C-alpha atoms as a PDB file:
ATOM      1  CA  UNK A   1      69.806  81.173 108.720  1.00  0.00           C
ATOM      2  CA  UNK A   2      72.239  84.016 108.530  1.00  0.00           C
ATOM      3  CA  UNK A   3      72.080  87.303 110.427  1.00  0.00           C
ATOM      4  CA  UNK A   4      69.054  89.458 109.776  1.00  0.00           C
ATOM      5  CA  UNK A   5      66.821  86.403 109.247  1.00  0.00           C
ATOM      6  CA  UNK A   6      67.731  86.051 105.573  1.00  0.00           C
ATOM      7  CA  UNK A   7      68.664  82.738 103.992  1.00  0.00           C
ATOM      8  CA  UNK A   8      71.951  81.925 102.365  1.00  0.00           C
ATOM      9  CA  UNK A   9      70.753  83.221  98.992  1.00  0.00           C
ATOM     10  CA  UNK A  10      70.693  79.724  97.484  1.00  0.00           C
ATOM     11  CA  UNK A  11      67.837  79.214  95.077  1.00  0.00           C
ATOM     12  CA  UNK A  12      66.106  75.826  95.117  1.00  0.00           C
ATOM     13  CA  UNK A  13      64.299  74.204  92.210  1.00  0.00           C
ATOM     14  CA  UNK A  14      60.707  73.031  92.509  1.00  0.00           C
ATOM     15  CA  UNK A  15      61.891  69.444  92.907  1.00  0.00           C
ATOM     16  CA  UNK A  16      64.287  70.470  95.673  1.00  0.00           C
ATOM     17  CA  UNK A  17      61.424  72.239  97.477  1.00  0.00           C
ATOM     18  CA  UNK A  18      59.214  69.150  97.097  1.00  0.00           C
ATOM     19  CA  UNK A  19      61.911  66.989  98.680  1.00  0.00           C
ATOM     20  CA  UNK A  20      62.537  69.528 101.443  1.00  0.00           C
ATOM     21  CA  UNK A  21      58.837  69.817 102.313  1.00  0.00           C
ATOM     22  CA  UNK A  22      58.508  66.025 102.336  1.00  0.00           C
ATOM     23  CA  UNK A  23      61.492  65.726 104.700  1.00  0.00           C
ATOM     24  CA  UNK A  24      59.965  68.278 107.076  1.00  0.00           C
ATOM     25  CA  UNK A  25      56.523  66.591 106.994  1.00  0.00           C
ATOM     26  CA  UNK A  26      58.069  63.172 107.559  1.00  0.00           C
ATOM     27  CA  UNK A  27      60.471  64.265 110.283  1.00  0.00           C
ATOM     28  CA  UNK A  28      57.974  63.722 113.091  1.00  0.00           C
ATOM     29  CA  UNK A  29      59.153  66.858 114.914  1.00  0.00           C
ATOM     30  CA  UNK A  30      56.543  69.308 113.640  1.00  0.00           C
ATOM     31  CA  UNK A  31      56.703  72.127 111.097  1.00  0.00           C
ATOM     32  CA  UNK A  32      58.386  74.720 113.328  1.00  0.00           C
ATOM     33  CA  UNK A  33      61.210  72.412 114.441  1.00  0.00           C
ATOM     34  CA  UNK A  34      61.558  70.883 110.965  1.00  0.00           C
ATOM     35  CA  UNK A  35      61.940  74.312 109.365  1.00  0.00           C
ATOM     36  CA  UNK A  36      64.510  75.306 111.964  1.00  0.00           C
ATOM     37  CA  UNK A  37      66.425  72.082 111.347  1.00  0.00           C
ATOM     38  CA  UNK A  38      66.415  72.671 107.552  1.00  0.00           C
ATOM     39  CA  UNK A  39      67.285  76.360 107.917  1.00  0.00           C
ATOM     40  CA  UNK A  40      64.171  77.828 106.310  1.00  0.00           C
ATOM     41  CA  UNK A  41      61.455  80.073 107.675  1.00  0.00           C
ATOM     42  CA  UNK A  42      57.972  78.768 108.331  1.00  0.00           C
ATOM     43  CA  UNK A  43      56.693  81.428 105.916  1.00  0.00           C
ATOM     44  CA  UNK A  44      58.793  79.870 103.141  1.00  0.00           C
ATOM     45  CA  UNK A  45      57.511  76.418 104.041  1.00  0.00           C
ATOM     46  CA  UNK A  46      53.858  77.477 103.821  1.00  0.00           C
ATOM     47  CA  UNK A  47      54.392  79.627 100.695  1.00  0.00           C
ATOM     48  CA  UNK A  48      56.055  76.746  98.813  1.00  0.00           C
ATOM     49  CA  UNK A  49      53.558  74.206 100.097  1.00  0.00           C
ATOM     50  CA  UNK A  50      50.752  76.366  98.684  1.00  0.00           C
ATOM     51  CA  UNK A  51      52.576  77.022  95.429  1.00  0.00           C
ATOM     52  CA  UNK A  52      53.338  73.348  94.813  1.00  0.00           C
ATOM     53  CA  UNK A  53      49.813  72.249  95.736  1.00  0.00           C
ATOM     54  CA  UNK A  54      48.575  74.111  92.636  1.00  0.00           C
ATOM     55  CA  UNK A  55      50.847  72.142  90.311  1.00  0.00           C
ATOM     56  CA  UNK A  56      50.618  68.707  88.774  1.00  0.00           C
ATOM     57  CA  UNK A  57      53.900  66.864  88.333  1.00  0.00           C
ATOM     58  CA  UNK A  58      54.306  65.419  84.829  1.00  0.00           C
ATOM     59  CA  UNK A  59      57.778  63.929  84.747  1.00  0.00           C
ATOM     60  CA  UNK A  60      60.284  66.743  84.362  1.00  0.00           C
ATOM     61  CA  UNK A  61      57.604  69.327  83.581  1.00  0.00           C
ATOM     62  CA  UNK A  62      55.247  70.868  86.108  1.00  0.00           C
ATOM     63  CA  UNK A  63      52.129  72.573  84.852  1.00  0.00           C
ATOM     64  CA  UNK A  64      49.392  74.402  86.686  1.00  0.00           C
ATOM     65  CA  UNK A  65      46.471  72.128  87.425  1.00  0.00           C
ATOM     66  CA  UNK A  66      43.517  73.013  85.259  1.00  0.00           C
ATOM     67  CA  UNK A  67      39.923  73.081  86.344  1.00  0.00           C
ATOM     68  CA  UNK A  68      38.122  69.751  86.087  1.00  0.00           C
ATOM     69  CA  UNK A  69      36.633  69.143  82.683  1.00  0.00           C
ATOM     70  CA  UNK A  70      33.633  67.235  81.411  1.00  0.00           C
ATOM     71  CA  UNK A  71      34.229  63.541  80.736  1.00  0.00           C
ATOM     72  CA  UNK A  72      31.916  62.000  78.133  1.00  0.00           C
ATOM     73  CA  UNK A  73      31.245  58.372  79.048  1.00  0.00           C
ATOM     74  CA  UNK A  74      29.238  57.783  75.901  1.00  0.00           C
ATOM     75  CA  UNK A  75      25.785  56.261  75.766  1.00  0.00           C
ATOM     76  CA  UNK A  76      24.978  54.322  78.917  1.00  0.00           C
ATOM     77  CA  UNK A  77      21.842  52.664  77.597  1.00  0.00           C
ATOM     78  CA  UNK A  78      20.630  52.024  74.078  1.00  0.00           C
ATOM     79  CA  UNK A  79      17.239  50.897  72.803  1.00  0.00           C
ATOM     80  CA  UNK A  80      18.705  47.684  71.356  1.00  0.00           C
ATOM     81  CA  UNK A  81      20.235  46.407  74.616  1.00  0.00           C
ATOM     82  CA  UNK A  82      18.491  45.501  77.867  1.00  0.00           C
ATOM     83  CA  UNK A  83      18.854  47.852  80.806  1.00  0.00           C
ATOM     84  CA  UNK A  84      22.108  47.011  82.586  1.00  0.00           C
ATOM     85  CA  UNK A  85      23.279  47.667  86.106  1.00  0.00           C
ATOM     86  CA  UNK A  86      25.311  50.836  86.329  1.00  0.00           C
ATOM     87  CA  UNK A  87      27.619  51.573  89.228  1.00  0.00           C
ATOM     88  CA  UNK A  88      29.661  54.751  89.450  1.00  0.00           C
ATOM     89  CA  UNK A  89      32.079  55.719  92.231  1.00  0.00           C
ATOM     90  CA  UNK A  90      33.656  59.164  92.329  1.00  0.00           C
ATOM     91  CA  UNK A  91      36.398  60.006  94.794  1.00  0.00           C
ATOM     92  CA  UNK A  92      35.851  63.700  95.474  1.00  0.00           C
ATOM     93  CA  UNK A  93      38.910  63.978  97.680  1.00  0.00           C
ATOM     94  CA  UNK A  94      39.278  64.742 101.359  1.00  0.00           C
ATOM     95  CA  UNK A  95      37.667  61.400 102.249  1.00  0.00           C
ATOM     96  CA  UNK A  96      34.434  62.111 100.347  1.00  0.00           C
ATOM     97  CA  UNK A  97      33.164  59.356  98.043  1.00  0.00           C
ATOM     98  CA  UNK A  98      30.078  59.623  95.786  1.00  0.00           C
ATOM     99  CA  UNK A  99      28.604  56.217  94.958  1.00  0.00           C
ATOM    100  CA  UNK A 100      25.728  55.955  92.449  1.00  0.00           C
ATOM    101  CA  UNK A 101      23.989  52.690  91.528  1.00  0.00           C
ATOM    102  CA  UNK A 102      21.311  52.063  88.900  1.00  0.00           C
ATOM    103  CA  UNK A 103      19.879  48.532  88.851  1.00  0.00           C
END
């Protein structure tokens, strides 16, 4: 960093920030040392990490992630067919898995 704690004035794109954050996370030296090595403040690291966590990467275009929506799976059982086994697994994130079984 330059004097006064300000950066060099270079503006990075979202993709450049993604790569930078990945390098810091994968450096094995911790966030503080990684930021120092890359010449950014920890505040910038955490601000961009938060900002990018709210986006979904779709090729060259990044859009804000929308709230989950309803997914219609159609009719699971009809009067003309025998009752079938139904198994549903939902990965809720953060290591939480919902597993439903109907025999």
